[in-house]
Amino acid sequence: MLRLPVTIRVPLPAEMPHRTDIEELLEKRKNANIVEGYTMRANETRQLPFSFYGEININNSRLWDLFMALSELFPKEICCSYGLNKDEAVTTGYFPKLNCLKFF
């Protein structure tokens, strides 16, 4: 099972939105085998300023090492795209990669 940071936990049933299938969802979550791995898919929307989407599951203890290893693949200038939940993503301007890494 994937090791999460201590700041993330599975919500309690009372914290979940009301759904008729909540018990089934909680049971599926309890039995889910979420492991390290990744998926990638092409960005088919030309209006967005990136060429692919990536989703990565990694144990929390290895997250920063993964981030730094991936940063070696980035060009010298990068932008960041971020968002919370279903909010629309925000994309920054381009900055020197080393400046961004220091910020992170």
PDB file of N, CA and C in Angstrom:
ATOM      1  N   MET A   1       0.837  -1.182   0.000  1.00  0.00           N
ATOM      2  CA  MET A   1       0.000   0.000   0.000  1.00  0.00           C
ATOM      3  C   MET A   1       0.883   1.247   0.000  1.00  0.00           C
ATOM      4  N   LEU A   2       0.477   2.249  -0.725  1.00  0.00           N
ATOM      5  CA  LEU A   2       1.229   3.490  -0.836  1.00  0.00           C
ATOM      6  C   LEU A   2       1.324   4.183   0.523  1.00  0.00           C
ATOM      7  N   ARG A   3       2.533   4.645   0.876  1.00  0.00           N
ATOM      8  CA  ARG A   3       2.733   5.376   2.135  1.00  0.00           C
ATOM      9  C   ARG A   3       2.533   6.869   1.885  1.00  0.00           C
ATOM     10  N   LEU A   4       1.545   7.432   2.567  1.00  0.00           N
ATOM     11  CA  LEU A   4       1.198   8.836   2.413  1.00  0.00           C
ATOM     12  C   LEU A   4       1.860   9.669   3.505  1.00  0.00           C
ATOM     13  N   PRO A   5       1.946  10.998   3.316  1.00  0.00           N
ATOM     14  CA  PRO A   5       2.457  11.841   4.401  1.00  0.00           C
ATOM     15  C   PRO A   5       1.479  11.827   5.573  1.00  0.00           C
ATOM     16  N   VAL A   6       1.984  12.144   6.752  1.00  0.00           N
ATOM     17  CA  VAL A   6       1.135  12.124   7.953  1.00  0.00           C
ATOM     18  C   VAL A   6       0.025  13.168   7.872  1.00  0.00           C
ATOM     19  N   THR A   7       0.156  14.141   7.001  1.00  0.00           N
ATOM     20  CA  THR A   7      -0.851  15.196   6.876  1.00  0.00           C
ATOM     21  C   THR A   7      -2.035  14.782   6.011  1.00  0.00           C
ATOM     22  N   ILE A   8      -1.991  13.596   5.426  1.00  0.00           N
ATOM     23  CA  ILE A   8      -3.092  13.103   4.592  1.00  0.00           C
ATOM     24  C   ILE A   8      -3.644  11.834   5.226  1.00  0.00           C
ATOM     25  N   ARG A   9      -4.950  11.781   5.356  1.00  0.00           N
ATOM     26  CA  ARG A   9      -5.596  10.597   5.907  1.00  0.00           C
ATOM     27  C   ARG A   9      -6.888  10.331   5.147  1.00  0.00           C
ATOM     28  N   VAL A  10      -7.373   9.118   5.265  1.00  0.00           N
ATOM     29  CA  VAL A  10      -8.651   8.744   4.665  1.00  0.00           C
ATOM     30  C   VAL A  10      -9.754   9.418   5.471  1.00  0.00           C
ATOM     31  N   PRO A  11     -10.712  10.055   4.808  1.00  0.00           N
ATOM     32  CA  PRO A  11     -11.786  10.710   5.557  1.00  0.00           C
ATOM     33  C   PRO A  11     -12.662   9.689   6.286  1.00  0.00           C
ATOM     34  N   LEU A  12     -13.206  10.125   7.399  1.00  0.00           N
ATOM     35  CA  LEU A  12     -14.159   9.314   8.144  1.00  0.00           C
ATOM     36  C   LEU A  12     -15.504   9.351   7.433  1.00  0.00           C
ATOM     37  N   PRO A  13     -16.349   8.325   7.624  1.00  0.00           N
ATOM     38  CA  PRO A  13     -17.646   8.305   6.920  1.00  0.00           C
ATOM     39  C   PRO A  13     -18.451   9.589   7.124  1.00  0.00           C
ATOM     40  N   ALA A  14     -18.428  10.166   8.314  1.00  0.00           N
ATOM     41  CA  ALA A  14     -19.198  11.385   8.585  1.00  0.00           C
ATOM     42  C   ALA A  14     -18.641  12.597   7.834  1.00  0.00           C
ATOM     43  N   GLU A  15     -17.409  12.518   7.360  1.00  0.00           N
ATOM     44  CA  GLU A  15     -16.784  13.627   6.632  1.00  0.00           C
ATOM     45  C   GLU A  15     -17.016  13.539   5.119  1.00  0.00           C
ATOM     46  N   MET A  16     -17.601  12.447   4.683  1.00  0.00           N
ATOM     47  CA  MET A  16     -17.837  12.248   3.256  1.00  0.00           C
ATOM     48  C   MET A  16     -19.165  12.892   2.849  1.00  0.00           C
ATOM     49  N   PRO A  17     -19.265  13.391   1.607  1.00  0.00           N
ATOM     50  CA  PRO A  17     -20.551  13.915   1.138  1.00  0.00           C
ATOM     51  C   PRO A  17     -21.588  12.788   1.130  1.00  0.00           C
ATOM     52  N   HIS A  18     -22.835  13.148   1.319  1.00  0.00           N
ATOM     53  CA  HIS A  18     -23.887  12.128   1.335  1.00  0.00           C
ATOM     54  C   HIS A  18     -24.005  11.473  -0.037  1.00  0.00           C
ATOM     55  N   ARG A  19     -23.907  10.154  -0.027  1.00  0.00           N
ATOM     56  CA  ARG A  19     -24.081   9.347  -1.245  1.00  0.00           C
ATOM     57  C   ARG A  19     -24.764   8.059  -0.841  1.00  0.00           C
ATOM     58  N   THR A  20     -25.606   7.558  -1.687  1.00  0.00           N
ATOM     59  CA  THR A  20     -26.283   6.303  -1.373  1.00  0.00           C
ATOM     60  C   THR A  20     -25.320   5.120  -1.408  1.00  0.00           C
ATOM     61  N   ASP A  21     -24.214   5.244  -2.129  1.00  0.00           N
ATOM     62  CA  ASP A  21     -23.262   4.145  -2.263  1.00  0.00           C
ATOM     63  C   ASP A  21     -22.020   4.335  -1.393  1.00  0.00           C
ATOM     64  N   ILE A  22     -22.109   5.142  -0.332  1.00  0.00           N
ATOM     65  CA  ILE A  22     -20.935   5.464   0.477  1.00  0.00           C
ATOM     66  C   ILE A  22     -20.299   4.232   1.104  1.00  0.00           C
ATOM     67  N   GLU A  23     -21.109   3.316   1.601  1.00  0.00           N
ATOM     68  CA  GLU A  23     -20.557   2.102   2.218  1.00  0.00           C
ATOM     69  C   GLU A  23     -19.762   1.291   1.200  1.00  0.00           C
ATOM     70  N   GLU A  24     -20.277   1.190  -0.006  1.00  0.00           N
ATOM     71  CA  GLU A  24     -19.574   0.461  -1.071  1.00  0.00           C
ATOM     72  C   GLU A  24     -18.249   1.154  -1.411  1.00  0.00           C
ATOM     73  N   LEU A  25     -18.257   2.476  -1.501  1.00  0.00           N
ATOM     74  CA  LEU A  25     -17.030   3.217  -1.793  1.00  0.00           C
ATOM     75  C   LEU A  25     -15.981   3.041  -0.697  1.00  0.00           C
ATOM     76  N   LEU A  26     -16.418   3.100   0.550  1.00  0.00           N
ATOM     77  CA  LEU A  26     -15.484   2.930   1.661  1.00  0.00           C
ATOM     78  C   LEU A  26     -14.900   1.519   1.676  1.00  0.00           C
ATOM     79  N   GLU A  27     -15.712   0.529   1.338  1.00  0.00           N
ATOM     80  CA  GLU A  27     -15.211  -0.848   1.277  1.00  0.00           C
ATOM     81  C   GLU A  27     -14.199  -1.003   0.146  1.00  0.00           C
ATOM     82  N   LYS A  28     -14.473  -0.408  -1.000  1.00  0.00           N
ATOM     83  CA  LYS A  28     -13.523  -0.452  -2.114  1.00  0.00           C
ATOM     84  C   LYS A  28     -12.208   0.220  -1.719  1.00  0.00           C
ATOM     85  N   ARG A  29     -12.299   1.354  -1.017  1.00  0.00           N
ATOM     86  CA  ARG A  29     -11.099   2.060  -0.585  1.00  0.00           C
ATOM     87  C   ARG A  29     -10.291   1.194   0.372  1.00  0.00           C
ATOM     88  N   LYS A  30     -10.988   0.531   1.286  1.00  0.00           N
ATOM     89  CA  LYS A  30     -10.311  -0.314   2.276  1.00  0.00           C
ATOM     90  C   LYS A  30      -9.538  -1.444   1.599  1.00  0.00           C
ATOM     91  N   ASN A  31     -10.068  -1.961   0.500  1.00  0.00           N
ATOM     92  CA  ASN A  31      -9.452  -3.101  -0.178  1.00  0.00           C
ATOM     93  C   ASN A  31      -8.576  -2.692  -1.366  1.00  0.00           C
ATOM     94  N   ALA A  32      -8.468  -1.403  -1.639  1.00  0.00           N
ATOM     95  CA  ALA A  32      -7.679  -0.945  -2.792  1.00  0.00           C
ATOM     96  C   ALA A  32      -6.197  -1.217  -2.557  1.00  0.00           C
ATOM     97  N   ASN A  33      -5.531  -1.669  -3.580  1.00  0.00           N
ATOM     98  CA  ASN A  33      -4.094  -1.910  -3.522  1.00  0.00           C
ATOM     99  C   ASN A  33      -3.406  -0.837  -4.361  1.00  0.00           C
ATOM    100  N   ILE A  34      -3.193   0.331  -3.765  1.00  0.00           N
ATOM    101  CA  ILE A  34      -2.586   1.459  -4.471  1.00  0.00           C
ATOM    102  C   ILE A  34      -1.077   1.358  -4.283  1.00  0.00           C
ATOM    103  N   VAL A  35      -0.365   1.268  -5.389  1.00  0.00           N
ATOM    104  CA  VAL A  35       1.076   1.036  -5.345  1.00  0.00           C
ATOM    105  C   VAL A  35       1.807   2.120  -6.126  1.00  0.00           C
ATOM    106  N   GLU A  36       3.137   2.148  -5.985  1.00  0.00           N
ATOM    107  CA  GLU A  36       3.941   3.078  -6.757  1.00  0.00           C
ATOM    108  C   GLU A  36       3.807   2.771  -8.246  1.00  0.00           C
ATOM    109  N   GLY A  37       3.791   3.817  -9.043  1.00  0.00           N
ATOM    110  CA  GLY A  37       3.705   3.655 -10.486  1.00  0.00           C
ATOM    111  C   GLY A  37       3.342   4.984 -11.140  1.00  0.00           C
ATOM    112  N   TYR A  38       3.166   4.965 -12.460  1.00  0.00           N
ATOM    113  CA  TYR A  38       2.827   6.194 -13.169  1.00  0.00           C
ATOM    114  C   TYR A  38       2.019   5.892 -14.425  1.00  0.00           C
ATOM    115  N   THR A  39       1.346   6.928 -14.918  1.00  0.00           N
ATOM    116  CA  THR A  39       0.685   6.899 -16.215  1.00  0.00           C
ATOM    117  C   THR A  39       1.009   8.202 -16.921  1.00  0.00           C
ATOM    118  N   MET A  40       1.032   8.167 -18.236  1.00  0.00           N
ATOM    119  CA  MET A  40       1.247   9.365 -19.047  1.00  0.00           C
ATOM    120  C   MET A  40       0.269   9.324 -20.207  1.00  0.00           C
ATOM    121  N   ARG A  41      -0.229  10.519 -20.573  1.00  0.00           N
ATOM    122  CA  ARG A  41      -1.085  10.613 -21.755  1.00  0.00           C
ATOM    123  C   ARG A  41      -0.853  11.956 -22.430  1.00  0.00           C
ATOM    124  N   ALA A  42      -1.029  11.958 -23.722  1.00  0.00           N
ATOM    125  CA  ALA A  42      -0.783  13.164 -24.512  1.00  0.00           C
ATOM    126  C   ALA A  42      -1.841  14.215 -24.229  1.00  0.00           C
ATOM    127  N   ASN A  43      -1.454  15.467 -24.293  1.00  0.00           N
ATOM    128  CA  ASN A  43      -2.391  16.587 -24.210  1.00  0.00           C
ATOM    129  C   ASN A  43      -2.938  16.810 -25.613  1.00  0.00           C
ATOM    130  N   GLU A  44      -4.213  16.553 -25.801  1.00  0.00           N
ATOM    131  CA  GLU A  44      -4.840  16.709 -27.118  1.00  0.00           C
ATOM    132  C   GLU A  44      -5.409  18.111 -27.304  1.00  0.00           C
ATOM    133  N   THR A  45      -5.350  18.958 -26.269  1.00  0.00           N
ATOM    134  CA  THR A  45      -5.908  20.311 -26.328  1.00  0.00           C
ATOM    135  C   THR A  45      -4.798  21.293 -26.643  1.00  0.00           C
ATOM    136  N   ARG A  46      -4.756  21.799 -27.840  1.00  0.00           N
ATOM    137  CA  ARG A  46      -3.663  22.675 -28.278  1.00  0.00           C
ATOM    138  C   ARG A  46      -3.649  24.019 -27.550  1.00  0.00           C
ATOM    139  N   GLN A  47      -4.756  24.394 -26.896  1.00  0.00           N
ATOM    140  CA  GLN A  47      -4.785  25.672 -26.187  1.00  0.00           C
ATOM    141  C   GLN A  47      -3.968  25.631 -24.902  1.00  0.00           C
ATOM    142  N   LEU A  48      -3.670  24.446 -24.387  1.00  0.00           N
ATOM    143  CA  LEU A  48      -2.914  24.322 -23.148  1.00  0.00           C
ATOM    144  C   LEU A  48      -1.426  24.258 -23.452  1.00  0.00           C
ATOM    145  N   PRO A  49      -0.586  24.879 -22.614  1.00  0.00           N
ATOM    146  CA  PRO A  49       0.840  25.054 -22.943  1.00  0.00           C
ATOM    147  C   PRO A  49       1.740  23.884 -22.545  1.00  0.00           C
ATOM    148  N   PHE A  50       1.265  22.658 -22.650  1.00  0.00           N
ATOM    149  CA  PHE A  50       2.107  21.507 -22.343  1.00  0.00           C
ATOM    150  C   PHE A  50       1.718  20.351 -23.244  1.00  0.00           C
ATOM    151  N   SER A  51       2.610  19.380 -23.383  1.00  0.00           N
ATOM    152  CA  SER A  51       2.391  18.317 -24.367  1.00  0.00           C
ATOM    153  C   SER A  51       1.857  17.018 -23.782  1.00  0.00           C
ATOM    154  N   PHE A  52       1.929  16.854 -22.453  1.00  0.00           N
ATOM    155  CA  PHE A  52       1.428  15.605 -21.871  1.00  0.00           C
ATOM    156  C   PHE A  52       0.991  15.815 -20.422  1.00  0.00           C
ATOM    157  N   TYR A  53       0.202  14.872 -19.947  1.00  0.00           N
ATOM    158  CA  TYR A  53      -0.194  14.787 -18.544  1.00  0.00           C
ATOM    159  C   TYR A  53       0.529  13.594 -17.943  1.00  0.00           C
ATOM    160  N   GLY A  54       0.947  13.718 -16.725  1.00  0.00           N
ATOM    161  CA  GLY A  54       1.538  12.591 -16.017  1.00  0.00           C
ATOM    162  C   GLY A  54       0.914  12.466 -14.634  1.00  0.00           C
ATOM    163  N   GLU A  55       0.670  11.241 -14.220  1.00  0.00           N
ATOM    164  CA  GLU A  55       0.174  10.966 -12.873  1.00  0.00           C
ATOM    165  C   GLU A  55       1.124   9.968 -12.237  1.00  0.00           C
ATOM    166  N   ILE A  56       1.588  10.274 -11.030  1.00  0.00           N
ATOM    167  CA  ILE A  56       2.586   9.436 -10.373  1.00  0.00           C
ATOM    168  C   ILE A  56       2.131   9.106  -8.957  1.00  0.00           C
ATOM    169  N   ASN A  57       2.217   7.842  -8.598  1.00  0.00           N
ATOM    170  CA  ASN A  57       2.058   7.398  -7.211  1.00  0.00           C
ATOM    171  C   ASN A  57       3.443   7.018  -6.707  1.00  0.00           C
ATOM    172  N   ILE A  58       3.847   7.605  -5.596  1.00  0.00           N
ATOM    173  CA  ILE A  58       5.146   7.265  -5.006  1.00  0.00           C
ATOM    174  C   ILE A  58       5.030   7.370  -3.494  1.00  0.00           C
ATOM    175  N   ASN A  59       5.762   6.536  -2.793  1.00  0.00           N
ATOM    176  CA  ASN A  59       5.773   6.623  -1.338  1.00  0.00           C
ATOM    177  C   ASN A  59       6.304   7.984  -0.913  1.00  0.00           C
ATOM    178  N   ASN A  60       5.688   8.559   0.099  1.00  0.00           N
ATOM    179  CA  ASN A  60       6.025   9.908   0.548  1.00  0.00           C
ATOM    180  C   ASN A  60       7.522  10.072   0.830  1.00  0.00           C
ATOM    181  N   SER A  61       8.151   9.066   1.394  1.00  0.00           N
ATOM    182  CA  SER A  61       9.569   9.173   1.753  1.00  0.00           C
ATOM    183  C   SER A  61      10.471   9.339   0.527  1.00  0.00           C
ATOM    184  N   ARG A  62       9.966   9.025  -0.671  1.00  0.00           N
ATOM    185  CA  ARG A  62      10.773   9.109  -1.893  1.00  0.00           C
ATOM    186  C   ARG A  62      10.351  10.246  -2.810  1.00  0.00           C
ATOM    187  N   LEU A  63       9.402  11.076  -2.371  1.00  0.00           N
ATOM    188  CA  LEU A  63       8.832  12.102  -3.238  1.00  0.00           C
ATOM    189  C   LEU A  63       9.862  13.142  -3.690  1.00  0.00           C
ATOM    190  N   TRP A  64      10.639  13.695  -2.764  1.00  0.00           N
ATOM    191  CA  TRP A  64      11.591  14.741  -3.149  1.00  0.00           C
ATOM    192  C   TRP A  64      12.676  14.190  -4.079  1.00  0.00           C
ATOM    193  N   ASP A  65      13.139  12.974  -3.816  1.00  0.00           N
ATOM    194  CA  ASP A  65      14.140  12.355  -4.703  1.00  0.00           C
ATOM    195  C   ASP A  65      13.588  12.209  -6.118  1.00  0.00           C
ATOM    196  N   LEU A  66      12.328  11.816  -6.232  1.00  0.00           N
ATOM    197  CA  LEU A  66      11.698  11.706  -7.547  1.00  0.00           C
ATOM    198  C   LEU A  66      11.616  13.073  -8.216  1.00  0.00           C
ATOM    199  N   PHE A  67      11.193  14.062  -7.464  1.00  0.00           N
ATOM    200  CA  PHE A  67      11.071  15.408  -8.023  1.00  0.00           C
ATOM    201  C   PHE A  67      12.404  15.898  -8.565  1.00  0.00           C
ATOM    202  N   MET A  68      13.469  15.724  -7.801  1.00  0.00           N
ATOM    203  CA  MET A  68      14.785  16.185  -8.243  1.00  0.00           C
ATOM    204  C   MET A  68      15.267  15.384  -9.459  1.00  0.00           C
ATOM    205  N   ALA A  69      15.007  14.095  -9.487  1.00  0.00           N
ATOM    206  CA  ALA A  69      15.409  13.287 -10.650  1.00  0.00           C
ATOM    207  C   ALA A  69      14.657  13.743 -11.903  1.00  0.00           C
ATOM    208  N   LEU A  70      13.370  14.006 -11.770  1.00  0.00           N
ATOM    209  CA  LEU A  70      12.596  14.484 -12.920  1.00  0.00           C
ATOM    210  C   LEU A  70      13.052  15.869 -13.368  1.00  0.00           C
ATOM    211  N   SER A  71      13.466  16.698 -12.431  1.00  0.00           N
ATOM    212  CA  SER A  71      13.890  18.059 -12.789  1.00  0.00           C
ATOM    213  C   SER A  71      15.113  18.051 -13.701  1.00  0.00           C
ATOM    214  N   GLU A  72      15.884  16.981 -13.670  1.00  0.00           N
ATOM    215  CA  GLU A  72      17.039  16.876 -14.575  1.00  0.00           C
ATOM    216  C   GLU A  72      16.592  16.839 -16.033  1.00  0.00           C
ATOM    217  N   LEU A  73      15.361  16.427 -16.275  1.00  0.00           N
ATOM    218  CA  LEU A  73      14.825  16.340 -17.635  1.00  0.00           C
ATOM    219  C   LEU A  73      14.252  17.670 -18.120  1.00  0.00           C
ATOM    220  N   PHE A  74      14.043  18.617 -17.212  1.00  0.00           N
ATOM    221  CA  PHE A  74      13.434  19.896 -17.566  1.00  0.00           C
ATOM    222  C   PHE A  74      14.427  20.761 -18.341  1.00  0.00           C
ATOM    223  N   PRO A  75      13.921  21.656 -19.199  1.00  0.00           N
ATOM    224  CA  PRO A  75      14.814  22.615 -19.856  1.00  0.00           C
ATOM    225  C   PRO A  75      15.321  23.657 -18.853  1.00  0.00           C
ATOM    226  N   LYS A  76      16.182  24.549 -19.308  1.00  0.00           N
ATOM    227  CA  LYS A  76      16.778  25.551 -18.411  1.00  0.00           C
ATOM    228  C   LYS A  76      15.760  26.556 -17.897  1.00  0.00           C
ATOM    229  N   GLU A  77      14.711  26.810 -18.670  1.00  0.00           N
ATOM    230  CA  GLU A  77      13.634  27.687 -18.224  1.00  0.00           C
ATOM    231  C   GLU A  77      12.343  26.885 -18.213  1.00  0.00           C
ATOM    232  N   ILE A  78      11.571  27.052 -17.121  1.00  0.00           N
ATOM    233  CA  ILE A  78      10.341  26.274 -16.966  1.00  0.00           C
ATOM    234  C   ILE A  78       9.212  27.176 -16.468  1.00  0.00           C
ATOM    235  N   CYS A  79       7.995  26.698 -16.682  1.00  0.00           N
ATOM    236  CA  CYS A  79       6.828  27.322 -16.066  1.00  0.00           C
ATOM    237  C   CYS A  79       6.179  26.268 -15.186  1.00  0.00           C
ATOM    238  N   CYS A  80       5.300  26.691 -14.330  1.00  0.00           N
ATOM    239  CA  CYS A  80       4.608  25.767 -13.435  1.00  0.00           C
ATOM    240  C   CYS A  80       3.112  25.885 -13.664  1.00  0.00           C
ATOM    241  N   SER A  81       2.446  24.763 -13.620  1.00  0.00           N
ATOM    242  CA  SER A  81       0.992  24.726 -13.713  1.00  0.00           C
ATOM    243  C   SER A  81       0.500  24.024 -12.467  1.00  0.00           C
ATOM    244  N   TYR A  82      -0.408  24.652 -11.746  1.00  0.00           N
ATOM    245  CA  TYR A  82      -0.880  24.069 -10.497  1.00  0.00           C
ATOM    246  C   TYR A  82      -2.339  24.412 -10.265  1.00  0.00           C
ATOM    247  N   GLY A  83      -2.980  23.607  -9.458  1.00  0.00           N
ATOM    248  CA  GLY A  83      -4.373  23.843  -9.106  1.00  0.00           C
ATOM    249  C   GLY A  83      -4.739  23.007  -7.904  1.00  0.00           C
ATOM    250  N   LEU A  84      -5.832  23.334  -7.281  1.00  0.00           N
ATOM    251  CA  LEU A  84      -6.310  22.622  -6.110  1.00  0.00           C
ATOM    252  C   LEU A  84      -7.663  22.020  -6.435  1.00  0.00           C
ATOM    253  N   ASN A  85      -7.765  20.706  -6.221  1.00  0.00           N
ATOM    254  CA  ASN A  85      -9.018  19.984  -6.475  1.00  0.00           C
ATOM    255  C   ASN A  85      -9.491  20.229  -7.897  1.00  0.00           C
ATOM    256  N   LYS A  86     -10.708  20.717  -8.060  1.00  0.00           N
ATOM    257  CA  LYS A  86     -11.255  20.916  -9.400  1.00  0.00           C
ATOM    258  C   LYS A  86     -11.187  22.373  -9.839  1.00  0.00           C
ATOM    259  N   ASP A  87     -10.445  23.204  -9.081  1.00  0.00           N
ATOM    260  CA  ASP A  87     -10.261  24.591  -9.491  1.00  0.00           C
ATOM    261  C   ASP A  87      -9.488  24.623 -10.806  1.00  0.00           C
ATOM    262  N   GLU A  88      -9.724  25.658 -11.576  1.00  0.00           N
ATOM    263  CA  GLU A  88      -8.993  25.797 -12.836  1.00  0.00           C
ATOM    264  C   GLU A  88      -7.502  25.977 -12.550  1.00  0.00           C
ATOM    265  N   ALA A  89      -6.676  25.298 -13.310  1.00  0.00           N
ATOM    266  CA  ALA A  89      -5.225  25.360 -13.107  1.00  0.00           C
ATOM    267  C   ALA A  89      -4.693  26.742 -13.466  1.00  0.00           C
ATOM    268  N   VAL A  90      -3.662  27.151 -12.741  1.00  0.00           N
ATOM    269  CA  VAL A  90      -2.962  28.412 -12.989  1.00  0.00           C
ATOM    270  C   VAL A  90      -1.605  28.057 -13.586  1.00  0.00           C
ATOM    271  N   THR A  91      -1.206  28.754 -14.642  1.00  0.00           N
ATOM    272  CA  THR A  91       0.098  28.535 -15.261  1.00  0.00           C
ATOM    273  C   THR A  91       0.916  29.808 -15.124  1.00  0.00           C
ATOM    274  N   THR A  92       2.125  29.670 -14.607  1.00  0.00           N
ATOM    275  CA  THR A  92       3.010  30.821 -14.400  1.00  0.00           C
ATOM    276  C   THR A  92       3.733  31.170 -15.692  1.00  0.00           C
ATOM    277  N   GLY A  93       4.487  32.255 -15.653  1.00  0.00           N
ATOM    278  CA  GLY A  93       5.405  32.569 -16.734  1.00  0.00           C
ATOM    279  C   GLY A  93       6.620  31.654 -16.647  1.00  0.00           C
ATOM    280  N   TYR A  94       7.571  31.844 -17.544  1.00  0.00           N
ATOM    281  CA  TYR A  94       8.787  31.026 -17.547  1.00  0.00           C
ATOM    282  C   TYR A  94       9.865  31.670 -16.677  1.00  0.00           C
ATOM    283  N   PHE A  95      10.549  30.831 -15.912  1.00  0.00           N
ATOM    284  CA  PHE A  95      11.611  31.266 -15.009  1.00  0.00           C
ATOM    285  C   PHE A  95      12.784  30.295 -15.124  1.00  0.00           C
ATOM    286  N   PRO A  96      13.988  30.727 -14.739  1.00  0.00           N
ATOM    287  CA  PRO A  96      15.118  29.785 -14.712  1.00  0.00           C
ATOM    288  C   PRO A  96      14.806  28.598 -13.783  1.00  0.00           C
ATOM    289  N   LYS A  97      15.110  27.404 -14.267  1.00  0.00           N
ATOM    290  CA  LYS A  97      14.812  26.189 -13.508  1.00  0.00           C
ATOM    291  C   LYS A  97      15.415  26.231 -12.111  1.00  0.00           C
ATOM    292  N   LEU A  98      16.652  26.677 -11.974  1.00  0.00           N
ATOM    293  CA  LEU A  98      17.306  26.690 -10.659  1.00  0.00           C
ATOM    294  C   LEU A  98      16.572  27.598  -9.674  1.00  0.00           C
ATOM    295  N   ASN A  99      16.041  28.714 -10.149  1.00  0.00           N
ATOM    296  CA  ASN A  99      15.251  29.601  -9.279  1.00  0.00           C
ATOM    297  C   ASN A  99      13.996  28.882  -8.771  1.00  0.00           C
ATOM    298  N   CYS A 100      13.332  28.174  -9.677  1.00  0.00           N
ATOM    299  CA  CYS A 100      12.115  27.444  -9.287  1.00  0.00           C
ATOM    300  C   CYS A 100      12.447  26.341  -8.285  1.00  0.00           C
ATOM    301  N   LEU A 101      13.533  25.611  -8.504  1.00  0.00           N
ATOM    302  CA  LEU A 101      13.907  24.535  -7.579  1.00  0.00           C
ATOM    303  C   LEU A 101      14.227  25.092  -6.192  1.00  0.00           C
ATOM    304  N   LYS A 102      14.885  26.249  -6.139  1.00  0.00           N
ATOM    305  CA  LYS A 102      15.154  26.874  -4.840  1.00  0.00           C
ATOM    306  C   LYS A 102      13.854  27.251  -4.153  1.00  0.00           C
ATOM    307  N   PHE A 103      12.884  27.745  -4.922  1.00  0.00           N
ATOM    308  CA  PHE A 103      11.594  28.129  -4.360  1.00  0.00           C
ATOM    309  C   PHE A 103      10.874  26.918  -3.783  1.00  0.00           C
ATOM    310  N   PHE A 104      10.886  25.822  -4.544  1.00  0.00           N
ATOM    311  CA  PHE A 104      10.217  24.598  -4.065  1.00  0.00           C
ATOM    312  C   PHE A 104      10.941  24.027  -2.878  1.00  0.00           C
TER     313      PHE A 104
END
